[in-house]
């Protein structure tokens, strides 16, 4: 069966930056909904008409992937608002941020704690791969018809390539 929209595809991958550094590798297939919000549009386009066993090599510029890095998505928040066990690298959903006397932060972003100082915390609402051109080698492990409930949900709930807060150029896609 060839990949079409809508269908469910099982993929493995190796994701690298343009210098060849491996950023992520998946050896066991994960299923994604083609025609939903699970995959970047450039990935879906590259997969069309492929079938199990096929390999696809993609080069994604930032605007095709997770957008350009936006300095306006970096915020300082008072250290006192956060628990003592806060660590750099932690992810915090915008809707779960503690209330602040400062301007409220966008609640639709996922924030990475990038730095912790005695008086403040630096939160970065950019996707961790924003501003990075990517090399992606995909292997199609399986293809099946999507069930009606999967199509209705628009996602299988998985998605390394799912954009929670999509930049304007990629609004039709939805990284986990």
N, C-alpha and C. Protein backbone atom coordinates (compact mmCIF):
# COMPACT_ATOMS: atom_id res chain seq x y z
N UNK A 1 0.84 -1.17 0.00
CA UNK A 1 0.00 0.00 0.00
C UNK A 1 0.89 1.24 0.00
N UNK A 2 0.59 2.17 -0.86
CA UNK A 2 1.34 3.43 -0.94
C UNK A 2 0.75 4.47 0.01
N UNK A 3 1.58 5.41 0.41
CA UNK A 3 1.15 6.49 1.30
C UNK A 3 0.26 7.46 0.54
N UNK A 4 -0.88 7.77 1.14
CA UNK A 4 -1.83 8.73 0.60
C UNK A 4 -2.43 9.50 1.78
N UNK A 5 -3.26 10.45 1.52
CA UNK A 5 -3.90 11.22 2.58
C UNK A 5 -5.40 10.96 2.56
N UNK A 6 -6.00 10.52 3.64
CA UNK A 6 -5.42 10.23 4.95
C UNK A 6 -5.05 8.75 5.08
N UNK A 7 -3.96 8.50 5.76
CA UNK A 7 -3.55 7.15 6.10
C UNK A 7 -2.65 7.23 7.32
N UNK A 8 -2.29 6.08 7.85
CA UNK A 8 -1.38 6.01 9.00
C UNK A 8 -0.10 5.36 8.51
N UNK A 9 1.01 6.01 8.83
CA UNK A 9 2.31 5.52 8.40
C UNK A 9 3.20 5.28 9.62
N UNK A 10 3.91 4.14 9.62
CA UNK A 10 4.89 3.85 10.66
C UNK A 10 6.26 4.22 10.14
N UNK A 11 6.97 5.06 10.91
CA UNK A 11 8.27 5.58 10.46
C UNK A 11 9.36 5.34 11.48
N UNK A 12 10.57 5.15 10.97
CA UNK A 12 11.79 5.29 11.77
C UNK A 12 12.59 6.41 11.11
N UNK A 13 13.56 6.97 11.83
CA UNK A 13 14.32 8.08 11.26
C UNK A 13 15.65 8.30 11.93
N UNK A 14 16.47 9.05 11.23
CA UNK A 14 17.69 9.64 11.78
C UNK A 14 17.60 11.12 11.42
N UNK A 15 17.66 11.96 12.43
CA UNK A 15 17.58 13.41 12.25
C UNK A 15 18.95 14.00 12.58
N UNK A 16 19.50 14.78 11.64
CA UNK A 16 20.81 15.40 11.82
C UNK A 16 20.72 16.88 11.50
N UNK A 17 21.68 17.63 12.04
CA UNK A 17 21.81 19.02 11.61
C UNK A 17 22.67 19.04 10.34
N UNK A 18 22.91 20.21 9.79
CA UNK A 18 23.65 20.28 8.52
C UNK A 18 25.12 19.94 8.67
N UNK A 19 25.62 19.89 9.90
CA UNK A 19 27.01 19.48 10.14
C UNK A 19 27.13 17.98 10.32
N UNK A 20 26.00 17.27 10.27
CA UNK A 20 26.02 15.82 10.39
C UNK A 20 25.88 15.30 11.80
N UNK A 21 25.67 16.18 12.78
CA UNK A 21 25.50 15.74 14.16
C UNK A 21 24.10 15.14 14.32
N UNK A 22 24.04 13.93 14.87
CA UNK A 22 22.76 13.26 15.08
C UNK A 22 22.02 13.96 16.22
N UNK A 23 20.81 14.43 15.92
CA UNK A 23 19.96 15.10 16.91
C UNK A 23 18.95 14.14 17.52
N UNK A 24 18.51 13.17 16.73
CA UNK A 24 17.54 12.21 17.20
C UNK A 24 17.58 10.99 16.29
N UNK A 25 17.36 9.83 16.88
CA UNK A 25 17.33 8.60 16.10
C UNK A 25 16.25 7.71 16.68
N UNK A 26 15.44 7.15 15.82
CA UNK A 26 14.37 6.26 16.24
C UNK A 26 14.49 4.96 15.46
N UNK A 27 14.74 3.86 16.18
CA UNK A 27 14.90 2.55 15.55
C UNK A 27 13.60 1.77 15.47
N UNK A 28 12.69 2.00 16.41
CA UNK A 28 11.39 1.32 16.42
C UNK A 28 10.36 2.24 15.80
N UNK A 29 9.55 1.73 14.88
CA UNK A 29 8.58 2.59 14.19
C UNK A 29 7.56 3.24 15.12
N UNK A 30 7.22 4.47 14.79
CA UNK A 30 6.15 5.22 15.45
C UNK A 30 5.14 5.57 14.36
N UNK A 31 3.85 5.49 14.71
CA UNK A 31 2.81 5.78 13.73
C UNK A 31 2.39 7.25 13.76
N UNK A 32 2.15 7.78 12.57
CA UNK A 32 1.71 9.16 12.39
C UNK A 32 0.54 9.18 11.42
N UNK A 33 -0.33 10.16 11.58
CA UNK A 33 -1.45 10.34 10.67
C UNK A 33 -1.03 11.26 9.54
N UNK A 34 -1.07 10.75 8.33
CA UNK A 34 -0.84 11.58 7.15
C UNK A 34 -2.14 12.31 6.86
N UNK A 35 -2.06 13.62 6.66
CA UNK A 35 -3.27 14.41 6.42
C UNK A 35 -3.84 14.98 7.70
N UNK A 36 -3.11 14.86 8.78
CA UNK A 36 -3.53 15.42 10.06
C UNK A 36 -2.54 16.46 10.53
N UNK A 37 -2.34 16.50 11.84
CA UNK A 37 -1.43 17.48 12.43
C UNK A 37 -0.15 16.85 12.98
N UNK A 38 0.12 15.60 12.64
CA UNK A 38 1.27 14.90 13.23
C UNK A 38 2.60 15.23 12.57
N UNK A 39 2.60 15.57 11.31
CA UNK A 39 3.84 15.74 10.58
C UNK A 39 3.92 17.11 9.92
N UNK A 40 5.13 17.59 9.77
CA UNK A 40 5.36 18.80 9.02
C UNK A 40 4.93 18.58 7.57
N UNK A 41 4.42 19.61 6.94
CA UNK A 41 3.95 19.48 5.57
C UNK A 41 5.05 19.00 4.63
N UNK A 42 6.27 19.50 4.79
CA UNK A 42 7.38 19.08 3.92
C UNK A 42 7.67 17.59 4.08
N UNK A 43 7.48 17.06 5.29
CA UNK A 43 7.68 15.62 5.52
C UNK A 43 6.57 14.84 4.82
N UNK A 44 5.33 15.29 4.99
CA UNK A 44 4.21 14.61 4.32
C UNK A 44 4.40 14.58 2.80
N UNK A 45 4.78 15.72 2.24
CA UNK A 45 4.98 15.79 0.78
C UNK A 45 6.06 14.80 0.35
N UNK A 46 7.15 14.73 1.12
CA UNK A 46 8.24 13.82 0.78
C UNK A 46 7.85 12.35 0.88
N UNK A 47 6.83 12.05 1.68
CA UNK A 47 6.41 10.66 1.88
C UNK A 47 5.35 10.19 0.88
N UNK A 48 4.67 11.11 0.22
CA UNK A 48 3.58 10.72 -0.67
C UNK A 48 4.02 9.69 -1.70
N UNK A 49 3.19 8.69 -1.91
CA UNK A 49 3.38 7.60 -2.86
C UNK A 49 4.50 6.63 -2.49
N UNK A 50 5.10 6.80 -1.30
CA UNK A 50 6.10 5.83 -0.85
C UNK A 50 5.37 4.63 -0.25
N UNK A 51 6.10 3.54 -0.06
CA UNK A 51 5.51 2.33 0.50
C UNK A 51 6.48 1.70 1.49
N UNK A 52 6.01 0.70 2.25
CA UNK A 52 6.88 0.07 3.24
C UNK A 52 8.21 -0.37 2.61
N UNK A 53 9.29 -0.08 3.32
CA UNK A 53 10.64 -0.41 2.85
C UNK A 53 11.33 0.75 2.18
N UNK A 54 10.57 1.76 1.73
CA UNK A 54 11.17 2.92 1.08
C UNK A 54 11.90 3.79 2.09
N UNK A 55 12.93 4.45 1.60
CA UNK A 55 13.69 5.41 2.40
C UNK A 55 13.57 6.78 1.73
N UNK A 56 13.44 7.80 2.54
CA UNK A 56 13.29 9.16 2.04
C UNK A 56 14.31 10.04 2.75
N UNK A 57 15.11 10.77 1.98
CA UNK A 57 16.08 11.73 2.53
C UNK A 57 15.57 13.13 2.25
N UNK A 58 15.41 13.92 3.32
CA UNK A 58 14.90 15.29 3.19
C UNK A 58 15.87 16.29 3.79
N UNK A 59 15.96 17.44 3.16
CA UNK A 59 16.68 18.59 3.71
C UNK A 59 15.61 19.64 4.00
N UNK A 60 15.47 20.00 5.26
CA UNK A 60 14.45 20.95 5.66
C UNK A 60 15.10 22.24 6.15
N UNK A 61 14.78 23.33 5.50
CA UNK A 61 15.21 24.65 5.97
C UNK A 61 14.32 25.03 7.15
N UNK A 62 14.75 25.96 8.00
CA UNK A 62 13.95 26.31 9.17
C UNK A 62 12.49 26.64 8.84
N UNK A 63 12.26 27.36 7.75
CA UNK A 63 10.88 27.73 7.42
C UNK A 63 10.02 26.52 7.03
N UNK A 64 10.64 25.39 6.67
CA UNK A 64 9.91 24.17 6.36
C UNK A 64 9.75 23.29 7.60
N UNK A 65 10.48 23.63 8.65
CA UNK A 65 10.49 22.79 9.84
C UNK A 65 9.89 23.55 11.02
N UNK A 66 10.72 24.09 11.88
CA UNK A 66 10.25 24.69 13.13
C UNK A 66 10.41 26.19 13.18
N UNK A 67 10.58 26.81 12.03
CA UNK A 67 10.62 28.26 11.93
C UNK A 67 11.97 28.85 12.31
N UNK A 68 12.07 30.14 12.08
CA UNK A 68 13.27 30.87 12.47
C UNK A 68 13.23 31.11 13.98
N UNK A 69 14.40 31.30 14.56
CA UNK A 69 14.49 31.60 15.98
C UNK A 69 13.95 33.00 16.21
N UNK A 70 13.05 33.16 17.17
CA UNK A 70 12.41 34.44 17.46
C UNK A 70 12.81 34.91 18.85
N UNK A 71 13.64 35.95 18.92
CA UNK A 71 14.09 36.48 20.21
C UNK A 71 12.94 37.00 21.06
N UNK A 72 11.81 37.31 20.43
CA UNK A 72 10.65 37.79 21.18
C UNK A 72 9.93 36.69 21.95
N UNK A 73 10.40 35.46 21.80
CA UNK A 73 9.83 34.34 22.55
C UNK A 73 10.71 33.95 23.74
N UNK A 74 11.65 34.80 24.10
CA UNK A 74 12.52 34.56 25.25
C UNK A 74 12.09 35.54 26.35
N UNK A 75 11.84 34.99 27.55
CA UNK A 75 11.29 35.79 28.64
C UNK A 75 12.07 35.57 29.93
N UNK A 76 12.11 36.60 30.76
CA UNK A 76 12.66 36.52 32.11
C UNK A 76 11.50 36.50 33.09
N UNK A 77 11.57 35.59 34.03
CA UNK A 77 10.55 35.50 35.08
C UNK A 77 11.25 35.43 36.43
N UNK A 78 10.61 35.91 37.45
CA UNK A 78 11.19 35.90 38.80
C UNK A 78 11.46 34.47 39.24
N UNK A 79 12.63 34.24 39.78
CA UNK A 79 13.03 32.91 40.26
C UNK A 79 12.09 32.43 41.36
N UNK A 80 11.61 33.35 42.18
CA UNK A 80 10.76 33.00 43.32
C UNK A 80 9.44 32.35 42.90
N UNK A 81 9.04 32.49 41.64
CA UNK A 81 7.78 31.91 41.16
C UNK A 81 7.88 30.40 40.93
N UNK A 82 9.10 29.87 40.89
CA UNK A 82 9.31 28.48 40.50
C UNK A 82 9.76 27.63 41.67
N UNK A 83 9.51 26.34 41.61
CA UNK A 83 9.94 25.45 42.70
C UNK A 83 11.47 25.37 42.78
N UNK A 84 11.96 25.00 43.93
CA UNK A 84 13.41 24.95 44.16
C UNK A 84 14.09 23.89 43.32
N UNK A 85 13.37 22.86 42.89
CA UNK A 85 13.98 21.78 42.11
C UNK A 85 13.99 22.07 40.60
N UNK A 86 13.69 23.31 40.20
CA UNK A 86 13.73 23.69 38.79
C UNK A 86 15.15 23.49 38.25
N UNK A 87 15.24 22.92 37.04
CA UNK A 87 16.55 22.67 36.43
C UNK A 87 16.56 23.18 35.00
N UNK A 88 17.76 23.56 34.52
CA UNK A 88 17.91 23.94 33.12
C UNK A 88 17.56 22.76 32.25
N UNK A 89 16.88 23.04 31.14
CA UNK A 89 16.47 22.00 30.22
C UNK A 89 15.06 21.50 30.45
N UNK A 90 14.48 21.83 31.59
CA UNK A 90 13.09 21.42 31.86
C UNK A 90 12.15 22.11 30.87
N UNK A 91 11.07 21.41 30.54
CA UNK A 91 10.04 21.96 29.67
C UNK A 91 8.82 22.30 30.52
N UNK A 92 8.23 23.46 30.24
CA UNK A 92 7.05 23.90 30.98
C UNK A 92 6.02 24.39 29.97
N UNK A 93 4.83 23.84 30.06
CA UNK A 93 3.75 24.32 29.19
C UNK A 93 3.35 25.72 29.64
N UNK A 94 3.11 26.59 28.67
CA UNK A 94 2.73 27.96 28.99
C UNK A 94 1.52 28.05 29.89
N UNK A 95 0.56 27.15 29.69
CA UNK A 95 -0.65 27.16 30.51
C UNK A 95 -0.37 26.74 31.95
N UNK A 96 0.80 26.14 32.23
CA UNK A 96 1.15 25.68 33.57
C UNK A 96 2.11 26.63 34.29
N UNK A 97 2.45 27.74 33.65
CA UNK A 97 3.36 28.69 34.29
C UNK A 97 2.69 29.34 35.50
N UNK A 98 3.48 29.60 36.54
CA UNK A 98 2.89 30.26 37.71
C UNK A 98 2.50 31.70 37.38
N UNK A 99 1.47 32.22 38.04
CA UNK A 99 1.07 33.61 37.79
C UNK A 99 2.19 34.58 38.16
N UNK A 100 2.26 35.68 37.43
CA UNK A 100 3.33 36.65 37.62
C UNK A 100 2.76 38.06 37.64
N UNK A 101 3.47 38.97 38.29
CA UNK A 101 3.09 40.38 38.28
C UNK A 101 3.46 41.03 36.95
N UNK A 102 4.36 40.40 36.20
CA UNK A 102 4.79 40.91 34.89
C UNK A 102 3.69 40.64 33.87
N UNK A 103 3.94 41.09 32.65
CA UNK A 103 3.01 40.78 31.56
C UNK A 103 2.89 39.27 31.45
N UNK A 104 1.67 38.76 31.27
CA UNK A 104 1.52 37.30 31.14
C UNK A 104 2.21 36.80 29.87
N UNK A 105 2.79 35.61 29.98
CA UNK A 105 3.44 34.99 28.83
C UNK A 105 2.40 34.26 27.99
N UNK A 106 2.65 34.14 26.69
CA UNK A 106 1.71 33.38 25.86
C UNK A 106 1.53 31.97 26.41
N UNK A 107 0.31 31.57 26.63
CA UNK A 107 0.04 30.26 27.23
C UNK A 107 0.06 29.13 26.22
N UNK A 108 0.12 29.46 24.92
CA UNK A 108 0.10 28.41 23.90
C UNK A 108 1.48 27.91 23.52
N UNK A 109 2.52 28.39 24.19
CA UNK A 109 3.88 27.96 23.89
C UNK A 109 4.36 26.93 24.89
N UNK A 110 5.33 26.13 24.48
CA UNK A 110 6.06 25.24 25.38
C UNK A 110 7.39 25.93 25.64
N UNK A 111 7.75 26.10 26.91
CA UNK A 111 8.96 26.84 27.28
C UNK A 111 10.05 25.89 27.77
N UNK A 112 11.27 26.18 27.36
CA UNK A 112 12.44 25.48 27.87
C UNK A 112 13.14 26.40 28.86
N UNK A 113 13.46 25.88 30.03
CA UNK A 113 14.24 26.64 31.01
C UNK A 113 15.68 26.61 30.51
N UNK A 114 16.19 27.75 30.05
CA UNK A 114 17.52 27.76 29.47
C UNK A 114 18.60 28.23 30.45
N UNK A 115 18.21 29.07 31.41
CA UNK A 115 19.18 29.54 32.41
C UNK A 115 18.46 29.84 33.70
N UNK A 116 19.15 29.59 34.82
CA UNK A 116 18.59 29.88 36.14
C UNK A 116 19.59 30.74 36.89
N UNK A 117 19.13 31.90 37.31
CA UNK A 117 19.94 32.84 38.09
C UNK A 117 19.30 32.99 39.46
N UNK A 118 20.01 33.58 40.41
CA UNK A 118 19.43 33.74 41.75
C UNK A 118 18.10 34.51 41.75
N UNK A 119 17.98 35.52 40.88
CA UNK A 119 16.78 36.36 40.90
C UNK A 119 15.80 36.11 39.77
N UNK A 120 16.24 35.43 38.71
CA UNK A 120 15.32 35.21 37.59
C UNK A 120 15.64 33.92 36.84
N UNK A 121 14.67 33.53 36.02
CA UNK A 121 14.75 32.33 35.19
C UNK A 121 14.54 32.78 33.75
N UNK A 122 15.32 32.22 32.82
CA UNK A 122 15.15 32.51 31.40
C UNK A 122 14.33 31.38 30.79
N UNK A 123 13.21 31.75 30.17
CA UNK A 123 12.32 30.81 29.51
C UNK A 123 12.33 31.08 28.02
N UNK A 124 12.55 30.04 27.23
CA UNK A 124 12.61 30.17 25.78
C UNK A 124 11.41 29.45 25.18
N UNK A 125 10.52 30.21 24.54
CA UNK A 125 9.33 29.65 23.92
C UNK A 125 9.53 29.19 22.49
N UNK A 126 10.75 29.27 21.99
CA UNK A 126 11.03 28.75 20.66
C UNK A 126 11.12 27.23 20.72
N UNK A 127 10.78 26.59 19.61
CA UNK A 127 10.99 25.16 19.53
C UNK A 127 12.49 24.92 19.63
N UNK A 128 12.94 23.85 20.29
CA UNK A 128 14.37 23.59 20.41
C UNK A 128 15.12 23.51 19.08
N UNK A 129 14.42 23.20 18.00
CA UNK A 129 15.06 23.11 16.69
C UNK A 129 14.76 24.32 15.81
N UNK A 130 14.21 25.37 16.38
CA UNK A 130 13.94 26.59 15.61
C UNK A 130 15.25 27.18 15.11
N UNK A 131 15.23 27.63 13.87
CA UNK A 131 16.41 28.26 13.28
C UNK A 131 17.46 27.30 12.76
N UNK A 132 17.17 26.01 12.80
CA UNK A 132 18.15 24.99 12.39
C UNK A 132 17.67 24.30 11.12
N UNK A 133 18.54 24.23 10.13
CA UNK A 133 18.26 23.42 8.95
C UNK A 133 18.52 21.96 9.32
N UNK A 134 17.67 21.08 8.86
CA UNK A 134 17.72 19.68 9.28
C UNK A 134 17.89 18.74 8.10
N UNK A 135 18.56 17.62 8.36
CA UNK A 135 18.65 16.52 7.41
C UNK A 135 17.90 15.36 8.05
N UNK A 136 16.96 14.83 7.32
CA UNK A 136 16.10 13.79 7.87
C UNK A 136 16.09 12.59 6.93
N UNK A 137 16.46 11.44 7.47
CA UNK A 137 16.38 10.18 6.72
C UNK A 137 15.26 9.37 7.36
N UNK A 138 14.19 9.18 6.59
CA UNK A 138 13.02 8.43 7.05
C UNK A 138 13.00 7.07 6.39
N UNK A 139 12.53 6.06 7.13
CA UNK A 139 12.27 4.76 6.55
C UNK A 139 10.82 4.42 6.83
N UNK A 140 10.10 4.07 5.78
CA UNK A 140 8.70 3.70 5.91
C UNK A 140 8.62 2.24 6.35
N UNK A 141 8.09 2.03 7.55
CA UNK A 141 7.97 0.67 8.09
C UNK A 141 6.61 0.06 7.76
N UNK A 142 5.57 0.91 7.74
CA UNK A 142 4.22 0.38 7.48
C UNK A 142 3.32 1.50 6.98
N UNK A 143 2.26 1.09 6.29
CA UNK A 143 1.23 2.01 5.82
C UNK A 143 -0.10 1.28 5.98
N UNK A 144 -1.08 1.96 6.55
CA UNK A 144 -2.43 1.39 6.66
C UNK A 144 -3.46 2.50 6.51
N UNK A 145 -4.69 2.09 6.23
CA UNK A 145 -5.76 3.07 6.15
C UNK A 145 -6.02 3.63 7.54
N UNK A 146 -6.31 4.91 7.60
CA UNK A 146 -6.66 5.54 8.87
C UNK A 146 -8.10 5.19 9.23
N UNK A 147 -8.34 4.97 10.52
CA UNK A 147 -9.71 4.74 11.00
C UNK A 147 -10.43 6.08 11.12
N UNK A 148 -11.74 6.06 11.07
CA UNK A 148 -12.54 7.29 11.12
C UNK A 148 -12.24 8.11 12.37
N UNK A 149 -12.09 7.46 13.52
CA UNK A 149 -11.81 8.20 14.75
C UNK A 149 -10.43 8.87 14.71
N UNK A 150 -9.47 8.25 14.03
CA UNK A 150 -8.14 8.86 13.87
C UNK A 150 -8.23 10.09 12.97
N UNK A 151 -8.97 9.97 11.89
CA UNK A 151 -9.15 11.10 10.98
C UNK A 151 -9.87 12.23 11.70
N UNK A 152 -10.91 11.88 12.45
CA UNK A 152 -11.67 12.88 13.19
C UNK A 152 -10.83 13.61 14.23
N UNK A 153 -9.92 12.89 14.87
CA UNK A 153 -9.05 13.50 15.88
C UNK A 153 -7.96 14.34 15.22
N UNK A 154 -7.62 14.04 13.97
CA UNK A 154 -6.59 14.80 13.27
C UNK A 154 -5.18 14.49 13.71
N UNK A 155 -5.03 13.51 14.61
CA UNK A 155 -3.71 13.18 15.14
C UNK A 155 -3.79 11.83 15.83
N UNK A 156 -2.67 11.13 15.84
CA UNK A 156 -2.58 9.91 16.63
C UNK A 156 -2.07 10.21 18.03
N UNK A 157 -1.80 11.50 18.30
CA UNK A 157 -1.33 11.90 19.61
C UNK A 157 0.17 11.75 19.78
N UNK A 158 0.82 11.25 18.76
CA UNK A 158 2.27 11.14 18.79
C UNK A 158 2.80 12.18 17.85
N UNK A 159 4.04 12.42 17.91
CA UNK A 159 4.57 13.30 16.90
C UNK A 159 5.83 13.99 17.31
N UNK A 160 6.91 13.45 16.89
CA UNK A 160 8.16 14.16 17.04
C UNK A 160 8.13 15.37 16.13
N UNK A 161 7.40 15.27 15.06
CA UNK A 161 7.35 16.35 14.09
C UNK A 161 6.06 17.14 14.21
N UNK A 162 5.54 17.20 15.40
CA UNK A 162 4.31 17.94 15.65
C UNK A 162 4.68 19.29 16.24
N UNK A 163 4.16 20.33 15.64
CA UNK A 163 4.41 21.68 16.14
C UNK A 163 3.25 22.11 17.00
N UNK A 164 3.49 22.25 18.30
CA UNK A 164 2.43 22.68 19.20
C UNK A 164 2.09 24.13 18.96
N UNK A 165 3.09 24.95 18.78
CA UNK A 165 2.86 26.37 18.54
C UNK A 165 3.51 26.71 17.21
N UNK A 166 2.75 26.59 16.18
CA UNK A 166 3.30 26.68 14.83
C UNK A 166 3.63 28.11 14.45
N UNK A 167 4.80 28.32 13.83
CA UNK A 167 5.09 29.64 13.30
C UNK A 167 4.16 29.93 12.13
N UNK A 168 4.04 31.18 11.79
CA UNK A 168 3.10 31.59 10.74
C UNK A 168 3.31 30.82 9.44
N UNK A 169 4.57 30.55 9.08
CA UNK A 169 4.84 29.88 7.81
C UNK A 169 4.37 28.43 7.85
N UNK A 170 4.19 27.84 9.02
CA UNK A 170 3.89 26.43 9.11
C UNK A 170 2.58 26.20 9.86
N UNK A 171 1.65 27.12 9.76
CA UNK A 171 0.44 27.06 10.56
C UNK A 171 -0.40 25.81 10.28
N UNK A 172 -0.25 25.21 9.11
CA UNK A 172 -1.03 24.03 8.79
C UNK A 172 -0.47 22.77 9.44
N UNK A 173 0.71 22.84 9.98
CA UNK A 173 1.25 21.69 10.68
C UNK A 173 1.04 21.93 12.17
N UNK A 174 1.17 20.99 12.88
CA UNK A 174 1.10 21.22 14.29
C UNK A 174 2.41 20.76 14.93
N UNK A 175 6.60 19.82 17.46
CA UNK A 175 7.51 18.88 18.03
C UNK A 175 7.15 18.79 19.40
N UNK A 176 6.80 18.01 19.45
CA UNK A 176 6.54 17.42 20.73
C UNK A 176 7.75 17.66 21.57
